């Protein structure tokens, strides 16, 4: 990974949205459902149990959480082709969950 690629991965403009997204989902399960969670991966299961997301959505969300964890904790070892694939092919997943949040919050 060259310096430019590394700088992208640690850039706050790249990191903040993924952390904020997880925080919003965590807030829903804590505030609206009074549920506690230990790991970001717990959030998807709780949202599924509360009928906020489907089983398919839960799987996608868990994949997103896994990527968030890799990006946050292993960014130096993250392969650029993985990041490129997500940026080019998986941004619709993020948009889908923004719509789920929007509909859930009725905004």
N, C-alpha and C. Protein backbone atom coordinates (compact mmCIF):
# COMPACT_ATOMS: atom_id res chain seq x y z
N UNK A 1 0.85 -1.17 0.00
CA UNK A 1 0.00 0.00 0.00
C UNK A 1 0.90 1.23 0.00
N UNK A 2 0.67 2.13 -0.97
CA UNK A 2 1.50 3.33 -1.00
C UNK A 2 0.94 4.38 -0.04
N UNK A 3 1.68 5.46 0.12
CA UNK A 3 1.32 6.49 1.09
C UNK A 3 -0.03 7.13 0.77
N UNK A 4 -0.31 7.36 -0.51
CA UNK A 4 -1.60 7.95 -0.89
C UNK A 4 -2.77 7.05 -0.53
N UNK A 5 -2.63 5.76 -0.76
CA UNK A 5 -3.69 4.81 -0.41
C UNK A 5 -3.87 4.74 1.10
N UNK A 6 -2.77 4.73 1.84
CA UNK A 6 -2.83 4.69 3.29
C UNK A 6 -3.52 5.95 3.81
N UNK A 7 -3.20 7.10 3.23
CA UNK A 7 -3.81 8.35 3.67
C UNK A 7 -5.31 8.36 3.43
N UNK A 8 -5.77 7.74 2.35
CA UNK A 8 -7.20 7.63 2.11
C UNK A 8 -7.87 6.85 3.23
N UNK A 9 -7.28 5.75 3.61
CA UNK A 9 -7.89 4.89 4.61
C UNK A 9 -7.95 5.51 6.00
N UNK A 10 -7.04 6.43 6.31
CA UNK A 10 -7.07 7.05 7.63
C UNK A 10 -7.65 8.47 7.58
N UNK A 11 -8.09 8.90 6.43
CA UNK A 11 -8.68 10.22 6.28
C UNK A 11 -9.99 10.31 7.05
N UNK A 12 -10.14 11.31 7.93
CA UNK A 12 -11.38 11.44 8.71
C UNK A 12 -12.63 11.55 7.85
N UNK A 13 -12.53 12.12 6.65
CA UNK A 13 -13.70 12.22 5.77
C UNK A 13 -14.16 10.85 5.31
N UNK A 14 -13.25 9.90 5.30
CA UNK A 14 -13.60 8.53 4.91
C UNK A 14 -14.06 7.72 6.12
N UNK A 15 -13.47 7.98 7.27
CA UNK A 15 -13.74 7.19 8.47
C UNK A 15 -15.02 7.63 9.17
N UNK A 16 -15.26 8.93 9.29
CA UNK A 16 -16.40 9.42 10.06
C UNK A 16 -17.75 8.88 9.61
N UNK A 17 -18.06 8.87 8.31
CA UNK A 17 -19.40 8.38 7.92
C UNK A 17 -19.67 6.94 8.36
N UNK A 18 -18.70 6.06 8.26
CA UNK A 18 -18.95 4.67 8.64
C UNK A 18 -19.13 4.54 10.14
N UNK A 19 -18.41 5.35 10.92
CA UNK A 19 -18.60 5.31 12.37
C UNK A 19 -19.94 5.91 12.76
N UNK A 20 -20.32 7.01 12.12
CA UNK A 20 -21.60 7.65 12.42
C UNK A 20 -22.77 6.73 12.10
N UNK A 21 -22.66 6.00 11.01
CA UNK A 21 -23.71 5.07 10.62
C UNK A 21 -23.92 4.02 11.71
N UNK A 22 -22.85 3.43 12.18
CA UNK A 22 -22.95 2.44 13.26
C UNK A 22 -23.50 3.05 14.52
N UNK A 23 -23.11 4.28 14.82
CA UNK A 23 -23.61 4.95 16.01
C UNK A 23 -25.11 5.20 15.93
N UNK A 24 -25.60 5.56 14.74
CA UNK A 24 -27.04 5.77 14.58
C UNK A 24 -27.82 4.49 14.83
N UNK A 25 -27.34 3.39 14.28
CA UNK A 25 -28.02 2.11 14.49
C UNK A 25 -27.95 1.70 15.96
N UNK A 26 -26.82 1.93 16.60
CA UNK A 26 -26.68 1.61 18.02
C UNK A 26 -27.64 2.44 18.85
N UNK A 27 -27.83 3.69 18.48
CA UNK A 27 -28.76 4.55 19.20
C UNK A 27 -30.19 4.03 19.10
N UNK A 28 -30.57 3.56 17.93
CA UNK A 28 -31.92 3.02 17.75
C UNK A 28 -32.15 1.85 18.70
N UNK A 29 -31.22 0.91 18.75
CA UNK A 29 -31.47 -0.26 19.59
C UNK A 29 -31.39 0.08 21.07
N UNK A 30 -30.59 1.07 21.42
CA UNK A 30 -30.50 1.45 22.83
C UNK A 30 -31.70 2.30 23.26
N UNK A 31 -32.00 3.33 22.50
CA UNK A 31 -33.04 4.28 22.89
C UNK A 31 -34.45 3.75 22.63
N UNK A 32 -34.67 3.15 21.47
CA UNK A 32 -36.02 2.73 21.11
C UNK A 32 -36.39 1.35 21.64
N UNK A 33 -35.41 0.48 21.77
CA UNK A 33 -35.71 -0.90 22.18
C UNK A 33 -35.10 -1.27 23.53
N UNK A 34 -34.36 -0.34 24.12
CA UNK A 34 -33.73 -0.57 25.42
C UNK A 34 -32.90 -1.86 25.42
N UNK A 35 -32.21 -2.09 24.32
CA UNK A 35 -31.37 -3.28 24.18
C UNK A 35 -29.91 -2.89 24.36
N UNK A 36 -29.17 -3.77 24.98
CA UNK A 36 -27.73 -3.57 25.14
C UNK A 36 -27.01 -4.42 24.09
N UNK A 37 -25.85 -3.97 23.69
CA UNK A 37 -25.06 -4.70 22.72
C UNK A 37 -23.59 -4.61 23.12
N UNK A 38 -22.86 -5.63 22.78
CA UNK A 38 -21.44 -5.67 23.09
C UNK A 38 -20.57 -5.42 21.86
N UNK A 39 -21.05 -5.87 20.72
CA UNK A 39 -20.29 -5.78 19.48
C UNK A 39 -21.18 -5.19 18.40
N UNK A 40 -20.56 -4.49 17.45
CA UNK A 40 -21.35 -3.95 16.35
C UNK A 40 -22.13 -5.04 15.63
N UNK A 41 -21.59 -6.23 15.59
CA UNK A 41 -22.30 -7.33 14.93
C UNK A 41 -23.60 -7.69 15.65
N UNK A 42 -23.72 -7.37 16.93
CA UNK A 42 -24.96 -7.61 17.67
C UNK A 42 -26.09 -6.72 17.17
N UNK A 43 -25.74 -5.56 16.67
CA UNK A 43 -26.74 -4.58 16.27
C UNK A 43 -27.63 -5.13 15.16
N UNK A 44 -27.05 -5.77 14.17
CA UNK A 44 -27.83 -6.31 13.05
C UNK A 44 -28.81 -7.37 13.54
N UNK A 45 -28.39 -8.22 14.44
CA UNK A 45 -29.27 -9.27 14.96
C UNK A 45 -30.44 -8.67 15.73
N UNK A 46 -30.17 -7.67 16.54
CA UNK A 46 -31.24 -7.02 17.30
C UNK A 46 -32.22 -6.33 16.36
N UNK A 47 -31.70 -5.64 15.35
CA UNK A 47 -32.59 -4.98 14.38
C UNK A 47 -33.44 -5.99 13.64
N UNK A 48 -32.90 -7.16 13.36
CA UNK A 48 -33.68 -8.23 12.72
C UNK A 48 -34.76 -8.72 13.66
N UNK A 49 -34.42 -8.96 14.92
CA UNK A 49 -35.40 -9.43 15.90
C UNK A 49 -36.53 -8.43 16.08
N UNK A 50 -36.24 -7.15 15.93
CA UNK A 50 -37.24 -6.09 16.10
C UNK A 50 -37.94 -5.74 14.79
N UNK A 51 -37.69 -6.52 13.75
CA UNK A 51 -38.32 -6.33 12.44
C UNK A 51 -38.01 -4.98 11.79
N UNK A 52 -36.84 -4.45 12.09
CA UNK A 52 -36.40 -3.22 11.44
C UNK A 52 -35.73 -3.56 10.11
N UNK A 53 -35.04 -4.71 10.07
CA UNK A 53 -34.38 -5.18 8.85
C UNK A 53 -34.79 -6.62 8.58
N UNK A 54 -34.64 -7.02 7.34
CA UNK A 54 -34.91 -8.41 6.94
C UNK A 54 -33.66 -9.26 7.20
N UNK A 55 -33.80 -10.55 7.02
CA UNK A 55 -32.64 -11.45 7.15
C UNK A 55 -31.56 -11.08 6.13
N UNK A 56 -31.98 -10.78 4.90
CA UNK A 56 -31.02 -10.37 3.87
C UNK A 56 -30.31 -9.08 4.28
N UNK A 57 -31.08 -8.12 4.80
CA UNK A 57 -30.48 -6.87 5.26
C UNK A 57 -29.51 -7.11 6.40
N UNK A 58 -29.84 -8.03 7.28
CA UNK A 58 -28.97 -8.35 8.41
C UNK A 58 -27.61 -8.85 7.93
N UNK A 59 -27.63 -9.69 6.92
CA UNK A 59 -26.38 -10.22 6.36
C UNK A 59 -25.54 -9.09 5.76
N UNK A 60 -26.20 -8.25 4.98
CA UNK A 60 -25.49 -7.11 4.37
C UNK A 60 -24.94 -6.20 5.46
N UNK A 61 -25.75 -5.92 6.47
CA UNK A 61 -25.30 -5.05 7.55
C UNK A 61 -24.11 -5.65 8.29
N UNK A 62 -24.14 -6.95 8.52
CA UNK A 62 -23.00 -7.59 9.17
C UNK A 62 -21.74 -7.50 8.31
N UNK A 63 -21.90 -7.59 7.00
CA UNK A 63 -20.74 -7.41 6.11
C UNK A 63 -20.21 -5.98 6.20
N UNK A 64 -21.12 -5.02 6.29
CA UNK A 64 -20.72 -3.63 6.43
C UNK A 64 -20.00 -3.41 7.76
N UNK A 65 -20.50 -4.02 8.81
CA UNK A 65 -19.87 -3.91 10.13
C UNK A 65 -18.48 -4.53 10.08
N UNK A 66 -18.36 -5.68 9.42
CA UNK A 66 -17.06 -6.31 9.29
C UNK A 66 -16.07 -5.42 8.57
N UNK A 67 -16.54 -4.76 7.52
CA UNK A 67 -15.67 -3.84 6.80
C UNK A 67 -15.30 -2.65 7.67
N UNK A 68 -16.27 -2.14 8.42
CA UNK A 68 -16.00 -1.03 9.33
C UNK A 68 -14.92 -1.41 10.34
N UNK A 69 -15.02 -2.60 10.88
CA UNK A 69 -14.04 -3.05 11.86
C UNK A 69 -12.65 -3.19 11.23
N UNK A 70 -12.61 -3.75 10.03
CA UNK A 70 -11.32 -3.88 9.34
C UNK A 70 -10.73 -2.51 9.04
N UNK A 71 -11.58 -1.61 8.59
CA UNK A 71 -11.11 -0.28 8.24
C UNK A 71 -10.63 0.47 9.48
N UNK A 72 -11.31 0.29 10.59
CA UNK A 72 -10.95 1.00 11.81
C UNK A 72 -9.72 0.42 12.49
N UNK A 73 -9.56 -0.89 12.42
CA UNK A 73 -8.53 -1.53 13.23
C UNK A 73 -7.38 -2.15 12.44
N UNK A 74 -7.59 -2.37 11.15
CA UNK A 74 -6.56 -3.05 10.36
C UNK A 74 -6.27 -2.29 9.07
N UNK A 75 -6.44 -0.97 9.09
CA UNK A 75 -6.34 -0.23 7.84
C UNK A 75 -4.99 -0.37 7.16
N UNK A 76 -3.94 -0.60 7.92
CA UNK A 76 -2.63 -0.75 7.28
C UNK A 76 -2.50 -2.05 6.50
N UNK A 77 -3.31 -3.05 6.86
CA UNK A 77 -3.22 -4.32 6.14
C UNK A 77 -4.37 -4.52 5.15
N UNK A 78 -5.27 -3.56 5.05
CA UNK A 78 -6.40 -3.67 4.14
C UNK A 78 -5.91 -3.55 2.70
N UNK A 79 -6.33 -4.47 1.87
CA UNK A 79 -5.91 -4.46 0.48
C UNK A 79 -6.71 -3.43 -0.30
N UNK A 80 -6.02 -2.67 -1.11
CA UNK A 80 -6.65 -1.60 -1.87
C UNK A 80 -7.70 -2.16 -2.82
N UNK A 81 -7.48 -3.35 -3.39
CA UNK A 81 -8.48 -3.91 -4.31
C UNK A 81 -9.79 -4.20 -3.58
N UNK A 82 -9.73 -4.54 -2.30
CA UNK A 82 -10.95 -4.75 -1.51
C UNK A 82 -11.69 -3.43 -1.36
N UNK A 83 -10.96 -2.39 -1.01
CA UNK A 83 -11.56 -1.07 -0.87
C UNK A 83 -12.15 -0.59 -2.19
N UNK A 84 -11.41 -0.78 -3.26
CA UNK A 84 -11.87 -0.38 -4.59
C UNK A 84 -13.15 -1.12 -4.97
N UNK A 85 -13.21 -2.41 -4.68
CA UNK A 85 -14.41 -3.19 -4.97
C UNK A 85 -15.61 -2.66 -4.20
N UNK A 86 -15.42 -2.35 -2.94
CA UNK A 86 -16.53 -1.83 -2.13
C UNK A 86 -16.98 -0.47 -2.66
N UNK A 87 -16.05 0.41 -2.93
CA UNK A 87 -16.40 1.74 -3.44
C UNK A 87 -17.11 1.63 -4.79
N UNK A 88 -16.66 0.73 -5.64
CA UNK A 88 -17.24 0.61 -6.98
C UNK A 88 -18.51 -0.23 -7.03
N UNK A 89 -18.67 -1.18 -6.10
CA UNK A 89 -19.76 -2.15 -6.24
C UNK A 89 -20.71 -2.26 -5.05
N UNK A 90 -20.37 -1.69 -3.91
CA UNK A 90 -21.20 -1.93 -2.73
C UNK A 90 -21.76 -0.67 -2.08
N UNK A 91 -21.60 0.48 -2.69
CA UNK A 91 -22.14 1.70 -2.09
C UNK A 91 -23.66 1.68 -2.02
N UNK A 92 -24.29 0.88 -2.89
CA UNK A 92 -25.75 0.75 -2.82
C UNK A 92 -26.18 0.17 -1.47
N UNK A 93 -25.34 -0.66 -0.86
CA UNK A 93 -25.67 -1.20 0.46
C UNK A 93 -25.80 -0.06 1.47
N UNK A 94 -24.87 0.87 1.42
CA UNK A 94 -24.91 2.01 2.33
C UNK A 94 -26.16 2.84 2.07
N UNK A 95 -26.47 3.09 0.80
CA UNK A 95 -27.67 3.86 0.45
C UNK A 95 -28.93 3.15 0.93
N UNK A 96 -28.96 1.84 0.80
CA UNK A 96 -30.12 1.07 1.25
C UNK A 96 -30.35 1.26 2.74
N UNK A 97 -29.28 1.21 3.53
CA UNK A 97 -29.45 1.36 4.97
C UNK A 97 -29.76 2.79 5.36
N UNK A 98 -29.33 3.75 4.58
CA UNK A 98 -29.76 5.12 4.83
C UNK A 98 -31.26 5.25 4.62
N UNK A 99 -31.80 4.56 3.61
CA UNK A 99 -33.25 4.56 3.38
C UNK A 99 -33.98 3.85 4.52
N UNK A 100 -33.42 2.75 5.01
CA UNK A 100 -34.02 2.05 6.14
C UNK A 100 -34.07 2.99 7.35
N UNK A 101 -32.97 3.69 7.60
CA UNK A 101 -32.94 4.66 8.70
C UNK A 101 -33.96 5.77 8.49
N UNK A 102 -34.01 6.29 7.28
CA UNK A 102 -34.95 7.37 6.97
C UNK A 102 -36.39 6.90 7.20
N UNK A 103 -36.72 5.73 6.71
CA UNK A 103 -38.08 5.21 6.89
C UNK A 103 -38.37 4.92 8.35
N UNK A 104 -37.41 4.35 9.05
CA UNK A 104 -37.60 4.05 10.47
C UNK A 104 -37.85 5.32 11.27
N UNK A 105 -37.08 6.35 10.96
CA UNK A 105 -37.21 7.62 11.68
C UNK A 105 -38.36 8.48 11.15
N UNK A 106 -38.97 8.02 10.08
CA UNK A 106 -40.09 8.73 9.45
C UNK A 106 -39.71 10.16 9.06
N UNK A 107 -38.57 10.25 8.37
CA UNK A 107 -38.13 11.58 7.90
C UNK A 107 -38.06 11.60 6.39
